[in-house]
Amino acid sequence: MEQEALDRAYNEIKGIEAYVGGHFGDSYEIEIDFESRLLVWKRLDSYSGKDDYYEKTLRKDTLTGFIESTVLLAVRIAFWQRMAKKA
């Protein structure tokens, strides 16, 4: 049952979005769309207003390797957190 829930959650993930930084300095954003394979990276400079932007379509094998090594771990962490809240 637990493995089925993990598999279902894993298969429902369509991408990743992350944001870090901010108030007193630069902030960074990254988005990866698993369906289009589009990666978008941004650095937002809070002082000069000069932002950096990078966009790339990932190779299928690169994205597959990333998903297999990283996303599964994230799903397991999320599942563990959910189970810990129930306890």
N, C-alpha and C. Protein backbone atom coordinates (compact mmCIF):
# COMPACT_ATOMS: atom_id res chain seq x y z
N MET A 1 0.82 -1.20 0.00
CA MET A 1 0.00 0.00 0.00
C MET A 1 0.87 1.27 0.00
N GLU A 2 1.87 1.31 0.87
CA GLU A 2 2.75 2.47 0.93
C GLU A 2 3.49 2.66 -0.39
N GLN A 3 3.97 1.58 -0.98
CA GLN A 3 4.69 1.67 -2.25
C GLN A 3 3.77 2.16 -3.36
N GLU A 4 2.51 1.73 -3.35
CA GLU A 4 1.55 2.19 -4.35
C GLU A 4 1.32 3.69 -4.23
N ALA A 5 1.23 4.18 -3.01
CA ALA A 5 1.04 5.62 -2.79
C ALA A 5 2.25 6.40 -3.28
N LEU A 6 3.45 5.88 -3.02
CA LEU A 6 4.66 6.53 -3.51
C LEU A 6 4.70 6.56 -5.03
N ASP A 7 4.38 5.43 -5.66
CA ASP A 7 4.38 5.35 -7.12
C ASP A 7 3.38 6.32 -7.72
N ARG A 8 2.20 6.41 -7.14
CA ARG A 8 1.16 7.30 -7.64
C ARG A 8 1.62 8.76 -7.52
N ALA A 9 2.17 9.12 -6.37
CA ALA A 9 2.65 10.49 -6.17
C ALA A 9 3.78 10.81 -7.13
N TYR A 10 4.68 9.87 -7.32
CA TYR A 10 5.82 10.05 -8.21
C TYR A 10 5.36 10.31 -9.64
N ASN A 11 4.38 9.56 -10.09
CA ASN A 11 3.90 9.68 -11.47
C ASN A 11 3.07 10.94 -11.71
N GLU A 12 2.60 11.57 -10.65
CA GLU A 12 1.79 12.78 -10.79
C GLU A 12 2.64 14.05 -10.86
N ILE A 13 3.92 13.96 -10.58
CA ILE A 13 4.78 15.14 -10.58
C ILE A 13 5.02 15.59 -12.02
N LYS A 14 4.73 16.84 -12.30
CA LYS A 14 4.86 17.39 -13.65
C LYS A 14 6.03 18.34 -13.79
N GLY A 15 6.66 18.68 -12.68
CA GLY A 15 7.78 19.60 -12.73
C GLY A 15 8.21 20.02 -11.35
N ILE A 16 9.20 20.89 -11.33
CA ILE A 16 9.74 21.41 -10.07
C ILE A 16 9.90 22.92 -10.20
N GLU A 17 9.54 23.62 -9.13
CA GLU A 17 9.79 25.06 -9.04
C GLU A 17 10.46 25.30 -7.69
N ALA A 18 11.51 26.11 -7.69
CA ALA A 18 12.20 26.43 -6.44
C ALA A 18 12.59 27.90 -6.45
N TYR A 19 12.61 28.48 -5.26
CA TYR A 19 12.94 29.89 -5.09
C TYR A 19 13.75 30.02 -3.81
N VAL A 20 14.81 30.81 -3.85
CA VAL A 20 15.62 31.05 -2.66
C VAL A 20 16.17 32.47 -2.69
N GLY A 21 16.35 33.03 -1.51
CA GLY A 21 16.96 34.35 -1.42
C GLY A 21 15.93 35.43 -1.19
N GLY A 22 16.38 36.65 -1.47
CA GLY A 22 15.39 37.69 -1.44
C GLY A 22 15.69 38.96 -0.73
N HIS A 23 15.27 39.09 0.49
CA HIS A 23 15.09 40.38 1.13
C HIS A 23 16.32 41.30 1.05
N PHE A 24 17.50 40.84 1.41
CA PHE A 24 18.67 41.72 1.42
C PHE A 24 19.67 41.40 0.32
N GLY A 25 19.29 40.64 -0.64
CA GLY A 25 20.24 40.31 -1.70
C GLY A 25 19.56 39.65 -2.88
N ASP A 26 20.37 39.04 -3.68
CA ASP A 26 19.85 38.39 -4.88
C ASP A 26 18.92 37.24 -4.51
N SER A 27 18.03 36.95 -5.42
CA SER A 27 17.19 35.77 -5.28
C SER A 27 17.29 34.96 -6.56
N TYR A 28 17.01 33.69 -6.44
CA TYR A 28 17.14 32.78 -7.56
C TYR A 28 15.87 31.97 -7.71
N GLU A 29 15.50 31.72 -8.95
CA GLU A 29 14.35 30.88 -9.25
C GLU A 29 14.77 29.84 -10.28
N ILE A 30 14.22 28.65 -10.15
CA ILE A 30 14.43 27.64 -11.18
C ILE A 30 13.12 26.89 -11.37
N GLU A 31 12.82 26.62 -12.61
CA GLU A 31 11.63 25.85 -12.97
C GLU A 31 12.05 24.79 -13.98
N ILE A 32 11.57 23.58 -13.79
CA ILE A 32 11.79 22.51 -14.77
C ILE A 32 10.43 21.88 -15.05
N ASP A 33 10.00 21.98 -16.29
CA ASP A 33 8.75 21.36 -16.73
C ASP A 33 9.09 20.00 -17.31
N PHE A 34 8.61 18.94 -16.67
CA PHE A 34 8.97 17.59 -17.10
C PHE A 34 8.35 17.20 -18.44
N GLU A 35 7.23 17.79 -18.77
CA GLU A 35 6.57 17.43 -20.03
C GLU A 35 7.24 18.09 -21.23
N SER A 36 7.55 19.37 -21.12
CA SER A 36 8.19 20.08 -22.24
C SER A 36 9.72 20.00 -22.17
N ARG A 37 10.26 19.56 -21.03
CA ARG A 37 11.70 19.47 -20.75
C ARG A 37 12.35 20.86 -20.68
N LEU A 38 11.56 21.90 -20.47
CA LEU A 38 12.07 23.26 -20.42
C LEU A 38 12.59 23.60 -19.03
N LEU A 39 13.84 24.08 -18.98
CA LEU A 39 14.45 24.56 -17.76
C LEU A 39 14.56 26.08 -17.86
N VAL A 40 14.12 26.78 -16.83
CA VAL A 40 14.24 28.24 -16.76
C VAL A 40 14.93 28.59 -15.45
N TRP A 41 16.01 29.37 -15.54
CA TRP A 41 16.77 29.81 -14.37
C TRP A 41 16.79 31.34 -14.38
N LYS A 42 16.54 31.94 -13.22
CA LYS A 42 16.55 33.41 -13.11
C LYS A 42 17.32 33.82 -11.86
N ARG A 43 18.09 34.89 -12.00
CA ARG A 43 18.70 35.55 -10.85
C ARG A 43 18.14 36.96 -10.83
N LEU A 44 17.51 37.31 -9.73
CA LEU A 44 16.90 38.62 -9.60
C LEU A 44 17.79 39.45 -8.67
N ASP A 45 18.39 40.50 -9.21
CA ASP A 45 19.32 41.36 -8.47
C ASP A 45 18.53 42.47 -7.80
N SER A 46 18.46 42.43 -6.48
CA SER A 46 17.65 43.40 -5.76
C SER A 46 18.29 44.78 -5.68
N TYR A 47 19.60 44.89 -5.95
CA TYR A 47 20.27 46.19 -5.86
C TYR A 47 20.33 46.92 -7.19
N SER A 48 20.86 46.29 -8.21
CA SER A 48 21.05 46.98 -9.49
C SER A 48 19.84 46.86 -10.41
N GLY A 49 18.98 45.90 -10.14
CA GLY A 49 17.84 45.68 -11.02
C GLY A 49 18.20 44.93 -12.29
N LYS A 50 19.46 44.52 -12.43
CA LYS A 50 19.90 43.76 -13.60
C LYS A 50 19.69 42.27 -13.32
N ASP A 51 18.73 41.71 -13.96
CA ASP A 51 18.40 40.31 -13.73
C ASP A 51 19.02 39.44 -14.81
N ASP A 52 19.30 38.20 -14.47
CA ASP A 52 19.80 37.22 -15.43
C ASP A 52 18.71 36.20 -15.70
N TYR A 53 18.67 35.73 -16.94
CA TYR A 53 17.64 34.77 -17.35
C TYR A 53 18.29 33.76 -18.29
N TYR A 54 18.02 32.49 -18.06
CA TYR A 54 18.57 31.43 -18.88
C TYR A 54 17.47 30.40 -19.13
N GLU A 55 17.36 29.97 -20.36
CA GLU A 55 16.33 29.01 -20.74
C GLU A 55 16.96 27.94 -21.62
N LYS A 56 16.61 26.69 -21.37
CA LYS A 56 17.17 25.59 -22.14
C LYS A 56 16.21 24.42 -22.16
N THR A 57 16.16 23.72 -23.27
CA THR A 57 15.41 22.47 -23.34
C THR A 57 16.38 21.34 -23.01
N LEU A 58 16.05 20.58 -21.98
CA LEU A 58 16.93 19.51 -21.52
C LEU A 58 16.82 18.29 -22.43
N ARG A 59 17.93 17.57 -22.55
CA ARG A 59 17.90 16.30 -23.27
C ARG A 59 17.07 15.30 -22.47
N LYS A 60 16.44 14.38 -23.17
CA LYS A 60 15.59 13.39 -22.49
C LYS A 60 16.36 12.58 -21.47
N ASP A 61 17.56 12.12 -21.83
CA ASP A 61 18.33 11.29 -20.89
C ASP A 61 18.80 12.08 -19.67
N THR A 62 19.10 13.36 -19.85
CA THR A 62 19.48 14.21 -18.72
C THR A 62 18.31 14.37 -17.76
N LEU A 63 17.14 14.67 -18.30
CA LEU A 63 15.96 14.85 -17.47
C LEU A 63 15.57 13.55 -16.77
N THR A 64 15.63 12.45 -17.49
CA THR A 64 15.30 11.15 -16.89
C THR A 64 16.22 10.85 -15.71
N GLY A 65 17.51 11.08 -15.88
CA GLY A 65 18.46 10.85 -14.79
C GLY A 65 18.18 11.74 -13.60
N PHE A 66 17.86 13.00 -13.85
CA PHE A 66 17.53 13.94 -12.78
C PHE A 66 16.29 13.47 -12.02
N ILE A 67 15.27 13.11 -12.75
CA ILE A 67 14.02 12.67 -12.13
C ILE A 67 14.27 11.42 -11.28
N GLU A 68 14.97 10.47 -11.83
CA GLU A 68 15.19 9.21 -11.10
C GLU A 68 16.01 9.41 -9.84
N SER A 69 16.95 10.33 -9.86
CA SER A 69 17.82 10.50 -8.69
C SER A 69 17.30 11.52 -7.69
N THR A 70 16.57 12.51 -8.14
CA THR A 70 16.18 13.62 -7.27
C THR A 70 14.71 13.61 -6.89
N VAL A 71 13.85 13.44 -7.87
CA VAL A 71 12.42 13.57 -7.61
C VAL A 71 11.91 12.45 -6.72
N LEU A 72 12.40 11.25 -6.92
CA LEU A 72 11.95 10.15 -6.07
C LEU A 72 12.29 10.43 -4.61
N LEU A 73 13.45 10.99 -4.36
CA LEU A 73 13.83 11.35 -3.00
C LEU A 73 12.86 12.39 -2.43
N ALA A 74 12.49 13.39 -3.21
CA ALA A 74 11.56 14.42 -2.76
C ALA A 74 10.20 13.82 -2.43
N VAL A 75 9.75 12.89 -3.25
CA VAL A 75 8.46 12.25 -2.99
C VAL A 75 8.52 11.45 -1.69
N ARG A 76 9.60 10.75 -1.47
CA ARG A 76 9.74 9.98 -0.24
C ARG A 76 9.77 10.89 0.98
N ILE A 77 10.43 12.04 0.87
CA ILE A 77 10.46 12.99 1.98
C ILE A 77 9.06 13.51 2.24
N ALA A 78 8.34 13.88 1.19
CA ALA A 78 6.97 14.39 1.35
C ALA A 78 6.08 13.32 1.97
N PHE A 79 6.22 12.09 1.54
CA PHE A 79 5.42 11.00 2.08
C PHE A 79 5.77 10.77 3.55
N TRP A 80 7.05 10.83 3.88
CA TRP A 80 7.48 10.67 5.26
C TRP A 80 6.90 11.78 6.14
N GLN A 81 6.91 13.02 5.64
CA GLN A 81 6.36 14.14 6.41
C GLN A 81 4.87 13.94 6.66
N ARG A 82 4.16 13.47 5.65
CA ARG A 82 2.72 13.24 5.79
C ARG A 82 2.47 12.16 6.84
N MET A 83 3.25 11.10 6.81
CA MET A 83 3.08 10.01 7.77
C MET A 83 3.44 10.47 9.18
N ALA A 84 4.45 11.33 9.31
CA ALA A 84 4.86 11.83 10.62
C ALA A 84 3.77 12.70 11.24
N LYS A 85 3.05 13.45 10.42
CA LYS A 85 1.98 14.29 10.93
C LYS A 85 0.82 13.46 11.46
N LYS A 86 0.61 12.29 10.87
CA LYS A 86 -0.47 11.41 11.31
C LYS A 86 -0.14 10.74 12.65
N ALA A 87 1.15 10.59 12.93
CA ALA A 87 1.57 9.87 14.14
C ALA A 87 1.38 10.69 15.40
